[in-house]
Amino acid sequence: MSTVSISQPLQALAAANKVRIDRAELRADLKHQRITLRAALDDPRAQGMKVSKLLTSQHRWGDHRARQACLGVPVSEHRLVGDLTGRQREVLAQLTEGRI
């Protein structure tokens, strides 16, 4: 029989819920243009998110536009933001700023 206390799963659920809330706040900030994609790419809350999820959180960005941006870098849209290289982050930021 397991000796895991009842509070341990509750703590894990609370931690996971905090991560979800933090990421939702980050996506809302992007959607309402309170932060730029450049800032969001460096935000610790975004490191475990997929690139496509972050891109589609922007105002007027859908799946197709996000996919095209990923093809232009090139990077998989399923890749985690934390796994992007500095160059990939810079190119994505420039794409969204209209500099490329």
PDB file of N, CA and C in Angstrom:
ATOM      1  N   MET A   1       0.836  -1.180   0.000  1.00  0.00           N
ATOM      2  CA  MET A   1       0.000   0.000   0.000  1.00  0.00           C
ATOM      3  C   MET A   1       0.884   1.247   0.000  1.00  0.00           C
ATOM      4  N   SER A   2       0.449   2.263  -0.665  1.00  0.00           N
ATOM      5  CA  SER A   2       1.214   3.495  -0.802  1.00  0.00           C
ATOM      6  C   SER A   2       1.164   4.311   0.489  1.00  0.00           C
ATOM      7  N   THR A   3       2.279   4.992   0.753  1.00  0.00           N
ATOM      8  CA  THR A   3       2.347   5.823   1.952  1.00  0.00           C
ATOM      9  C   THR A   3       2.256   7.307   1.600  1.00  0.00           C
ATOM     10  N   VAL A   4       1.756   7.621   0.413  1.00  0.00           N
ATOM     11  CA  VAL A   4       1.608   9.006  -0.013  1.00  0.00           C
ATOM     12  C   VAL A   4       0.501   9.653   0.803  1.00  0.00           C
ATOM     13  N   SER A   5       0.822  10.805   1.359  1.00  0.00           N
ATOM     14  CA  SER A   5      -0.197  11.483   2.156  1.00  0.00           C
ATOM     15  C   SER A   5      -1.239  12.116   1.250  1.00  0.00           C
ATOM     16  N   ILE A   6      -2.381  12.411   1.816  1.00  0.00           N
ATOM     17  CA  ILE A   6      -3.476  13.028   1.064  1.00  0.00           C
ATOM     18  C   ILE A   6      -3.068  14.421   0.581  1.00  0.00           C
ATOM     19  N   SER A   7      -2.269  15.117   1.356  1.00  0.00           N
ATOM     20  CA  SER A   7      -1.915  16.497   0.998  1.00  0.00           C
ATOM     21  C   SER A   7      -0.976  16.580  -0.198  1.00  0.00           C
ATOM     22  N   GLN A   8      -0.188  15.539  -0.448  1.00  0.00           N
ATOM     23  CA  GLN A   8       0.755  15.597  -1.576  1.00  0.00           C
ATOM     24  C   GLN A   8       0.039  15.738  -2.919  1.00  0.00           C
ATOM     25  N   PRO A   9      -0.986  14.932  -3.229  1.00  0.00           N
ATOM     26  CA  PRO A   9      -1.705  15.136  -4.492  1.00  0.00           C
ATOM     27  C   PRO A   9      -2.403  16.495  -4.560  1.00  0.00           C
ATOM     28  N   LEU A  10      -2.886  16.963  -3.418  1.00  0.00           N
ATOM     29  CA  LEU A  10      -3.529  18.274  -3.398  1.00  0.00           C
ATOM     30  C   LEU A  10      -2.525  19.379  -3.687  1.00  0.00           C
ATOM     31  N   GLN A  11      -1.316  19.238  -3.168  1.00  0.00           N
ATOM     32  CA  GLN A  11      -0.265  20.213  -3.453  1.00  0.00           C
ATOM     33  C   GLN A  11       0.108  20.197  -4.925  1.00  0.00           C
ATOM     34  N   ALA A  12       0.159  19.007  -5.506  1.00  0.00           N
ATOM     35  CA  ALA A  12       0.474  18.890  -6.934  1.00  0.00           C
ATOM     36  C   ALA A  12      -0.626  19.534  -7.779  1.00  0.00           C
ATOM     37  N   LEU A  13      -1.870  19.318  -7.407  1.00  0.00           N
ATOM     38  CA  LEU A  13      -2.981  19.938  -8.132  1.00  0.00           C
ATOM     39  C   LEU A  13      -2.945  21.455  -8.005  1.00  0.00           C
ATOM     40  N   ALA A  14      -2.615  21.949  -6.826  1.00  0.00           N
ATOM     41  CA  ALA A  14      -2.527  23.402  -6.619  1.00  0.00           C
ATOM     42  C   ALA A  14      -1.401  24.001  -7.456  1.00  0.00           C
ATOM     43  N   ALA A  15      -0.267  23.315  -7.520  1.00  0.00           N
ATOM     44  CA  ALA A  15       0.864  23.810  -8.323  1.00  0.00           C
ATOM     45  C   ALA A  15       0.507  23.818  -9.805  1.00  0.00           C
ATOM     46  N   ALA A  16      -0.144  22.757 -10.274  1.00  0.00           N
ATOM     47  CA  ALA A  16      -0.542  22.690 -11.680  1.00  0.00           C
ATOM     48  C   ALA A  16      -1.566  23.763 -12.009  1.00  0.00           C
ATOM     49  N   ASN A  17      -2.474  24.030 -11.089  1.00  0.00           N
ATOM     50  CA  ASN A  17      -3.482  25.060 -11.301  1.00  0.00           C
ATOM     51  C   ASN A  17      -2.837  26.441 -11.393  1.00  0.00           C
ATOM     52  N   LYS A  18      -1.831  26.690 -10.563  1.00  0.00           N
ATOM     53  CA  LYS A  18      -1.119  27.970 -10.605  1.00  0.00           C
ATOM     54  C   LYS A  18      -0.432  28.164 -11.959  1.00  0.00           C
ATOM     55  N   VAL A  19       0.182  27.102 -12.475  1.00  0.00           N
ATOM     56  CA  VAL A  19       0.838  27.175 -13.787  1.00  0.00           C
ATOM     57  C   VAL A  19      -0.192  27.502 -14.861  1.00  0.00           C
ATOM     58  N   ARG A  20      -1.358  26.840 -14.823  1.00  0.00           N
ATOM     59  CA  ARG A  20      -2.405  27.105 -15.819  1.00  0.00           C
ATOM     60  C   ARG A  20      -2.897  28.542 -15.737  1.00  0.00           C
ATOM     61  N   ILE A  21      -3.093  29.047 -14.530  1.00  0.00           N
ATOM     62  CA  ILE A  21      -3.553  30.428 -14.356  1.00  0.00           C
ATOM     63  C   ILE A  21      -2.508  31.420 -14.856  1.00  0.00           C
ATOM     64  N   ASP A  22      -1.248  31.171 -14.523  1.00  0.00           N
ATOM     65  CA  ASP A  22      -0.169  32.057 -14.974  1.00  0.00           C
ATOM     66  C   ASP A  22      -0.087  32.102 -16.503  1.00  0.00           C
ATOM     67  N   ARG A  23      -0.198  30.938 -17.121  1.00  0.00           N
ATOM     68  CA  ARG A  23      -0.134  30.893 -18.590  1.00  0.00           C
ATOM     69  C   ARG A  23      -1.350  31.566 -19.219  1.00  0.00           C
ATOM     70  N   ALA A  24      -2.509  31.418 -18.603  1.00  0.00           N
ATOM     71  CA  ALA A  24      -3.714  32.080 -19.107  1.00  0.00           C
ATOM     72  C   ALA A  24      -3.552  33.598 -19.024  1.00  0.00           C
ATOM     73  N   GLU A  25      -2.955  34.086 -17.944  1.00  0.00           N
ATOM     74  CA  GLU A  25      -2.701  35.526 -17.811  1.00  0.00           C
ATOM     75  C   GLU A  25      -1.737  36.008 -18.884  1.00  0.00           C
ATOM     76  N   LEU A  26      -0.705  35.217 -19.160  1.00  0.00           N
ATOM     77  CA  LEU A  26       0.258  35.576 -20.205  1.00  0.00           C
ATOM     78  C   LEU A  26      -0.430  35.640 -21.568  1.00  0.00           C
ATOM     79  N   ARG A  27      -1.270  34.647 -21.875  1.00  0.00           N
ATOM     80  CA  ARG A  27      -1.985  34.646 -23.154  1.00  0.00           C
ATOM     81  C   ARG A  27      -2.935  35.837 -23.248  1.00  0.00           C
ATOM     82  N   ALA A  28      -3.596  36.181 -22.151  1.00  0.00           N
ATOM     83  CA  ALA A  28      -4.502  37.338 -22.148  1.00  0.00           C
ATOM     84  C   ALA A  28      -3.712  38.635 -22.366  1.00  0.00           C
ATOM     85  N   ASP A  29      -2.547  38.743 -21.746  1.00  0.00           N
ATOM     86  CA  ASP A  29      -1.703  39.929 -21.942  1.00  0.00           C
ATOM     87  C   ASP A  29      -1.291  40.064 -23.408  1.00  0.00           C
ATOM     88  N   LEU A  30      -0.952  38.943 -24.030  1.00  0.00           N
ATOM     89  CA  LEU A  30      -0.596  38.971 -25.459  1.00  0.00           C
ATOM     90  C   LEU A  30      -1.804  39.353 -26.315  1.00  0.00           C
ATOM     91  N   LYS A  31      -2.934  38.762 -26.018  1.00  0.00           N
ATOM     92  CA  LYS A  31      -4.142  39.014 -26.800  1.00  0.00           C
ATOM     93  C   LYS A  31      -4.537  40.485 -26.754  1.00  0.00           C
ATOM     94  N   HIS A  32      -4.433  41.082 -25.578  1.00  0.00           N
ATOM     95  CA  HIS A  32      -4.836  42.477 -25.406  1.00  0.00           C
ATOM     96  C   HIS A  32      -3.679  43.452 -25.611  1.00  0.00           C
ATOM     97  N   GLN A  33      -2.574  42.930 -26.139  1.00  0.00           N
ATOM     98  CA  GLN A  33      -1.406  43.720 -26.534  1.00  0.00           C
ATOM     99  C   GLN A  33      -0.798  44.508 -25.377  1.00  0.00           C
ATOM    100  N   ARG A  34      -0.857  43.936 -24.178  1.00  0.00           N
ATOM    101  CA  ARG A  34      -0.202  44.562 -23.028  1.00  0.00           C
ATOM    102  C   ARG A  34       1.280  44.225 -22.998  1.00  0.00           C
ATOM    103  N   ILE A  35       1.661  43.121 -23.675  1.00  0.00           N
ATOM    104  CA  ILE A  35       3.067  42.767 -23.831  1.00  0.00           C
ATOM    105  C   ILE A  35       3.295  42.349 -25.280  1.00  0.00           C
ATOM    106  N   THR A  36       4.532  42.374 -25.706  1.00  0.00           N
ATOM    107  CA  THR A  36       4.887  41.964 -27.062  1.00  0.00           C
ATOM    108  C   THR A  36       5.258  40.484 -27.062  1.00  0.00           C
ATOM    109  N   LEU A  37       5.297  39.905 -28.250  1.00  0.00           N
ATOM    110  CA  LEU A  37       5.719  38.516 -28.355  1.00  0.00           C
ATOM    111  C   LEU A  37       7.166  38.386 -27.896  1.00  0.00           C
ATOM    112  N   ARG A  38       7.980  39.377 -28.204  1.00  0.00           N
ATOM    113  CA  ARG A  38       9.387  39.357 -27.794  1.00  0.00           C
ATOM    114  C   ARG A  38       9.488  39.193 -26.275  1.00  0.00           C
ATOM    115  N   ALA A  39       8.679  39.942 -25.536  1.00  0.00           N
ATOM    116  CA  ALA A  39       8.685  39.836 -24.073  1.00  0.00           C
ATOM    117  C   ALA A  39       8.118  38.491 -23.621  1.00  0.00           C
ATOM    118  N   ALA A  40       7.089  38.023 -24.304  1.00  0.00           N
ATOM    119  CA  ALA A  40       6.457  36.760 -23.932  1.00  0.00           C
ATOM    120  C   ALA A  40       7.403  35.577 -24.155  1.00  0.00           C
ATOM    121  N   LEU A  41       8.209  35.625 -25.201  1.00  0.00           N
ATOM    122  CA  LEU A  41       9.143  34.539 -25.476  1.00  0.00           C
ATOM    123  C   LEU A  41      10.175  34.389 -24.364  1.00  0.00           C
ATOM    124  N   ASP A  42      10.498  35.482 -23.697  1.00  0.00           N
ATOM    125  CA  ASP A  42      11.478  35.447 -22.609  1.00  0.00           C
ATOM    126  C   ASP A  42      10.842  35.280 -21.235  1.00  0.00           C
ATOM    127  N   ASP A  43       9.523  35.294 -21.182  1.00  0.00           N
ATOM    128  CA  ASP A  43       8.818  35.177 -19.910  1.00  0.00           C
ATOM    129  C   ASP A  43       8.919  33.737 -19.397  1.00  0.00           C
ATOM    130  N   PRO A  44       9.289  33.554 -18.136  1.00  0.00           N
ATOM    131  CA  PRO A  44       9.412  32.195 -17.595  1.00  0.00           C
ATOM    132  C   PRO A  44       8.107  31.392 -17.647  1.00  0.00           C
ATOM    133  N   ARG A  45       6.959  32.075 -17.621  1.00  0.00           N
ATOM    134  CA  ARG A  45       5.672  31.370 -17.675  1.00  0.00           C
ATOM    135  C   ARG A  45       5.461  30.685 -19.014  1.00  0.00           C
ATOM    136  N   ALA A  46       6.127  31.165 -20.072  1.00  0.00           N
ATOM    137  CA  ALA A  46       5.911  30.637 -21.417  1.00  0.00           C
ATOM    138  C   ALA A  46       6.831  29.467 -21.762  1.00  0.00           C
ATOM    139  N   GLN A  47       7.811  29.191 -20.948  1.00  0.00           N
ATOM    140  CA  GLN A  47       8.831  28.221 -21.307  1.00  0.00           C
ATOM    141  C   GLN A  47       8.294  26.815 -21.558  1.00  0.00           C
ATOM    142  N   GLY A  48       7.208  26.436 -20.924  1.00  0.00           N
ATOM    143  CA  GLY A  48       6.633  25.106 -21.130  1.00  0.00           C
ATOM    144  C   GLY A  48       5.495  25.075 -22.131  1.00  0.00           C
ATOM    145  N   MET A  49       5.221  26.212 -22.770  1.00  0.00           N
ATOM    146  CA  MET A  49       4.120  26.291 -23.742  1.00  0.00           C
ATOM    147  C   MET A  49       4.612  25.933 -25.137  1.00  0.00           C
ATOM    148  N   LYS A  50       3.700  25.435 -25.963  1.00  0.00           N
ATOM    149  CA  LYS A  50       4.032  25.197 -27.361  1.00  0.00           C
ATOM    150  C   LYS A  50       4.084  26.539 -28.088  1.00  0.00           C
ATOM    151  N   VAL A  51       4.957  26.621 -29.083  1.00  0.00           N
ATOM    152  CA  VAL A  51       5.120  27.850 -29.858  1.00  0.00           C
ATOM    153  C   VAL A  51       3.797  28.256 -30.493  1.00  0.00           C
ATOM    154  N   SER A  52       3.063  27.295 -31.040  1.00  0.00           N
ATOM    155  CA  SER A  52       1.798  27.614 -31.710  1.00  0.00           C
ATOM    156  C   SER A  52       0.789  28.215 -30.737  1.00  0.00           C
ATOM    157  N   LYS A  53       0.758  27.730 -29.509  1.00  0.00           N
ATOM    158  CA  LYS A  53      -0.186  28.243 -28.506  1.00  0.00           C
ATOM    159  C   LYS A  53       0.131  29.701 -28.184  1.00  0.00           C
ATOM    160  N   LEU A  54       1.418  30.013 -28.102  1.00  0.00           N
ATOM    161  CA  LEU A  54       1.822  31.384 -27.813  1.00  0.00           C
ATOM    162  C   LEU A  54       1.510  32.303 -28.995  1.00  0.00           C
ATOM    163  N   LEU A  55       1.794  31.843 -30.210  1.00  0.00           N
ATOM    164  CA  LEU A  55       1.548  32.666 -31.399  1.00  0.00           C
ATOM    165  C   LEU A  55       0.057  32.929 -31.591  1.00  0.00           C
ATOM    166  N   THR A  56      -0.771  31.910 -31.402  1.00  0.00           N
ATOM    167  CA  THR A  56      -2.211  32.088 -31.619  1.00  0.00           C
ATOM    168  C   THR A  56      -2.865  32.903 -30.510  1.00  0.00           C
ATOM    169  N   SER A  57      -2.141  33.160 -29.443  1.00  0.00           N
ATOM    170  CA  SER A  57      -2.676  34.003 -28.368  1.00  0.00           C
ATOM    171  C   SER A  57      -2.652  35.481 -28.749  1.00  0.00           C
ATOM    172  N   GLN A  58      -1.905  35.822 -29.777  1.00  0.00           N
ATOM    173  CA  GLN A  58      -1.801  37.215 -30.199  1.00  0.00           C
ATOM    174  C   GLN A  58      -3.084  37.673 -30.888  1.00  0.00           C
ATOM    175  N   HIS A  59      -3.295  38.950 -30.842  1.00  0.00           N
ATOM    176  CA  HIS A  59      -4.450  39.559 -31.499  1.00  0.00           C
ATOM    177  C   HIS A  59      -4.389  39.309 -33.001  1.00  0.00           C
ATOM    178  N   ARG A  60      -5.474  38.764 -33.566  1.00  0.00           N
ATOM    179  CA  ARG A  60      -5.630  38.511 -34.994  1.00  0.00           C
ATOM    180  C   ARG A  60      -4.677  37.434 -35.527  1.00  0.00           C
ATOM    181  N   TRP A  61      -4.266  36.522 -34.679  1.00  0.00           N
ATOM    182  CA  TRP A  61      -3.415  35.412 -35.102  1.00  0.00           C
ATOM    183  C   TRP A  61      -4.193  34.114 -34.922  1.00  0.00           C
ATOM    184  N   GLY A  62      -4.328  33.368 -36.005  1.00  0.00           N
ATOM    185  CA  GLY A  62      -4.992  32.072 -35.950  1.00  0.00           C
ATOM    186  C   GLY A  62      -4.002  30.956 -36.235  1.00  0.00           C
ATOM    187  N   ASP A  63      -4.535  29.758 -36.386  1.00  0.00           N
ATOM    188  CA  ASP A  63      -3.697  28.581 -36.630  1.00  0.00           C
ATOM    189  C   ASP A  63      -2.883  28.710 -37.910  1.00  0.00           C
ATOM    190  N   HIS A  64      -3.540  29.198 -38.978  1.00  0.00           N
ATOM    191  CA  HIS A  64      -2.857  29.290 -40.269  1.00  0.00           C
ATOM    192  C   HIS A  64      -1.690  30.278 -40.214  1.00  0.00           C
ATOM    193  N   ARG A  65      -1.932  31.428 -39.656  1.00  0.00           N
ATOM    194  CA  ARG A  65      -0.880  32.446 -39.575  1.00  0.00           C
ATOM    195  C   ARG A  65       0.280  31.971 -38.694  1.00  0.00           C
ATOM    196  N   ALA A  66      -0.038  31.295 -37.602  1.00  0.00           N
ATOM    197  CA  ALA A  66       1.000  30.760 -36.713  1.00  0.00           C
ATOM    198  C   ALA A  66       1.811  29.683 -37.425  1.00  0.00           C
ATOM    199  N   ARG A  67       1.135  28.820 -38.182  1.00  0.00           N
ATOM    200  CA  ARG A  67       1.818  27.759 -38.923  1.00  0.00           C
ATOM    201  C   ARG A  67       2.764  28.356 -39.963  1.00  0.00           C
ATOM    202  N   GLN A  68       2.315  29.394 -40.665  1.00  0.00           N
ATOM    203  CA  GLN A  68       3.154  30.042 -41.668  1.00  0.00           C
ATOM    204  C   GLN A  68       4.371  30.693 -41.023  1.00  0.00           C
ATOM    205  N   ALA A  69       4.198  31.295 -39.862  1.00  0.00           N
ATOM    206  CA  ALA A  69       5.324  31.909 -39.149  1.00  0.00           C
ATOM    207  C   ALA A  69       6.338  30.843 -38.750  1.00  0.00           C
ATOM    208  N   CYS A  70       5.850  29.705 -38.278  1.00  0.00           N
ATOM    209  CA  CYS A  70       6.754  28.622 -37.879  1.00  0.00           C
ATOM    210  C   CYS A  70       7.510  28.054 -39.069  1.00  0.00           C
ATOM    211  N   LEU A  71       6.832  27.976 -40.212  1.00  0.00           N
ATOM    212  CA  LEU A  71       7.507  27.493 -41.420  1.00  0.00           C
ATOM    213  C   LEU A  71       8.593  28.462 -41.873  1.00  0.00           C
ATOM    214  N   GLY A  72       8.398  29.747 -41.622  1.00  0.00           N
ATOM    215  CA  GLY A  72       9.367  30.750 -42.027  1.00  0.00           C
ATOM    216  C   GLY A  72      10.608  30.774 -41.167  1.00  0.00           C
ATOM    217  N   VAL A  73      10.564  30.202 -39.978  1.00  0.00           N
ATOM    218  CA  VAL A  73      11.715  30.313 -39.069  1.00  0.00           C
ATOM    219  C   VAL A  73      12.868  29.386 -39.439  1.00  0.00           C
ATOM    220  N   PRO A  74      12.813  28.142 -39.701  1.00  0.00           N
ATOM    221  CA  PRO A  74      11.786  27.124 -39.500  1.00  0.00           C
ATOM    222  C   PRO A  74      11.878  26.508 -38.101  1.00  0.00           C
ATOM    223  N   VAL A  75      10.715  26.256 -37.543  1.00  0.00           N
ATOM    224  CA  VAL A  75      10.613  25.587 -36.239  1.00  0.00           C
ATOM    225  C   VAL A  75       9.266  24.869 -36.198  1.00  0.00           C
ATOM    226  N   SER A  76       9.233  23.737 -35.530  1.00  0.00           N
ATOM    227  CA  SER A  76       7.977  23.008 -35.396  1.00  0.00           C
ATOM    228  C   SER A  76       7.024  23.813 -34.523  1.00  0.00           C
ATOM    229  N   GLU A  77       5.778  23.868 -34.936  1.00  0.00           N
ATOM    230  CA  GLU A  77       4.783  24.602 -34.147  1.00  0.00           C
ATOM    231  C   GLU A  77       4.491  23.894 -32.831  1.00  0.00           C
ATOM    232  N   HIS A  78       4.910  22.646 -32.702  1.00  0.00           N
ATOM    233  CA  HIS A  78       4.693  21.872 -31.483  1.00  0.00           C
ATOM    234  C   HIS A  78       5.876  21.954 -30.515  1.00  0.00           C
ATOM    235  N   ARG A  79       6.896  22.664 -30.910  1.00  0.00           N
ATOM    236  CA  ARG A  79       8.086  22.798 -30.069  1.00  0.00           C
ATOM    237  C   ARG A  79       7.782  23.692 -28.865  1.00  0.00           C
ATOM    238  N   LEU A  80       8.419  23.410 -27.759  1.00  0.00           N
ATOM    239  CA  LEU A  80       8.227  24.223 -26.567  1.00  0.00           C
ATOM    240  C   LEU A  80       9.034  25.513 -26.676  1.00  0.00           C
ATOM    241  N   VAL A  81       8.490  26.596 -26.173  1.00  0.00           N
ATOM    242  CA  VAL A  81       9.152  27.896 -26.219  1.00  0.00           C
ATOM    243  C   VAL A  81      10.515  27.825 -25.541  1.00  0.00           C
ATOM    244  N   GLY A  82      10.602  27.093 -24.445  1.00  0.00           N
ATOM    245  CA  GLY A  82      11.865  26.970 -23.719  1.00  0.00           C
ATOM    246  C   GLY A  82      12.960  26.276 -24.506  1.00  0.00           C
ATOM    247  N   ASP A  83      12.592  25.527 -25.544  1.00  0.00           N
ATOM    248  CA  ASP A  83      13.570  24.808 -26.357  1.00  0.00           C
ATOM    249  C   ASP A  83      14.031  25.594 -27.575  1.00  0.00           C
ATOM    250  N   LEU A  84      13.508  26.798 -27.783  1.00  0.00           N
ATOM    251  CA  LEU A  84      13.905  27.612 -28.925  1.00  0.00           C
ATOM    252  C   LEU A  84      15.304  28.184 -28.718  1.00  0.00           C
ATOM    253  N   THR A  85      16.051  28.304 -29.808  1.00  0.00           N
ATOM    254  CA  THR A  85      17.356  28.947 -29.737  1.00  0.00           C
ATOM    255  C   THR A  85      17.156  30.463 -29.724  1.00  0.00           C
ATOM    256  N   GLY A  86      18.192  31.176 -29.389  1.00  0.00           N
ATOM    257  CA  GLY A  86      18.121  32.638 -29.391  1.00  0.00           C
ATOM    258  C   GLY A  86      17.789  33.180 -30.769  1.00  0.00           C
ATOM    259  N   ARG A  87      18.355  32.568 -31.801  1.00  0.00           N
ATOM    260  CA  ARG A  87      18.087  33.006 -33.174  1.00  0.00           C
ATOM    261  C   ARG A  87      16.624  32.784 -33.533  1.00  0.00           C
ATOM    262  N   GLN A  88      16.071  31.625 -33.174  1.00  0.00           N
ATOM    263  CA  GLN A  88      14.662  31.338 -33.472  1.00  0.00           C
ATOM    264  C   GLN A  88      13.737  32.319 -32.760  1.00  0.00           C
ATOM    265  N   ARG A  89      14.057  32.652 -31.515  1.00  0.00           N
ATOM    266  CA  ARG A  89      13.263  33.636 -30.775  1.00  0.00           C
ATOM    267  C   ARG A  89      13.305  34.994 -31.469  1.00  0.00           C
ATOM    268  N   GLU A  90      14.494  35.378 -31.897  1.00  0.00           N
ATOM    269  CA  GLU A  90      14.658  36.674 -32.548  1.00  0.00           C
ATOM    270  C   GLU A  90      13.883  36.727 -33.867  1.00  0.00           C
ATOM    271  N   VAL A  91      13.959  35.674 -34.656  1.00  0.00           N
ATOM    272  CA  VAL A  91      13.259  35.648 -35.939  1.00  0.00           C
ATOM    273  C   VAL A  91      11.746  35.680 -35.726  1.00  0.00           C
ATOM    274  N   LEU A  92      11.243  34.933 -34.771  1.00  0.00           N
ATOM    275  CA  LEU A  92       9.804  34.956 -34.477  1.00  0.00           C
ATOM    276  C   LEU A  92       9.370  36.337 -34.028  1.00  0.00           C
ATOM    277  N   ALA A  93      10.158  36.974 -33.179  1.00  0.00           N
ATOM    278  CA  ALA A  93       9.825  38.315 -32.706  1.00  0.00           C
ATOM    279  C   ALA A  93       9.808  39.308 -33.876  1.00  0.00           C
ATOM    280  N   GLN A  94      10.781  39.200 -34.765  1.00  0.00           N
ATOM    281  CA  GLN A  94      10.837  40.100 -35.910  1.00  0.00           C
ATOM    282  C   GLN A  94       9.670  39.867 -36.866  1.00  0.00           C
ATOM    283  N   LEU A  95       9.280  38.608 -37.044  1.00  0.00           N
ATOM    284  CA  LEU A  95       8.125  38.300 -37.905  1.00  0.00           C
ATOM    285  C   LEU A  95       6.867  38.974 -37.397  1.00  0.00           C
ATOM    286  N   THR A  96       6.659  38.927 -36.097  1.00  0.00           N
ATOM    287  CA  THR A  96       5.442  39.509 -35.537  1.00  0.00           C
ATOM    288  C   THR A  96       5.498  41.029 -35.489  1.00  0.00           C
ATOM    289  N   GLU A  97       6.704  41.580 -35.521  1.00  0.00           N
ATOM    290  CA  GLU A  97       6.855  43.029 -35.535  1.00  0.00           C
ATOM    291  C   GLU A  97       6.825  43.579 -36.960  1.00  0.00           C
ATOM    292  N   GLY A  98       6.739  42.674 -37.932  1.00  0.00           N
ATOM    293  CA  GLY A  98       6.675  43.089 -39.331  1.00  0.00           C
ATOM    294  C   GLY A  98       8.010  43.533 -39.900  1.00  0.00           C
ATOM    295  N   ARG A  99       9.106  43.133 -39.267  1.00  0.00           N
ATOM    296  CA  ARG A  99      10.427  43.562 -39.732  1.00  0.00           C
ATOM    297  C   ARG A  99      11.037  42.580 -40.716  1.00  0.00           C
ATOM    298  N   ILE A 100      10.347  41.464 -40.977  1.00  0.00           N
ATOM    299  CA  ILE A 100      10.856  40.504 -41.968  1.00  0.00           C
ATOM    300  C   ILE A 100       9.795  40.342 -43.036  1.00  0.00           C
TER     301      ILE A 100
END
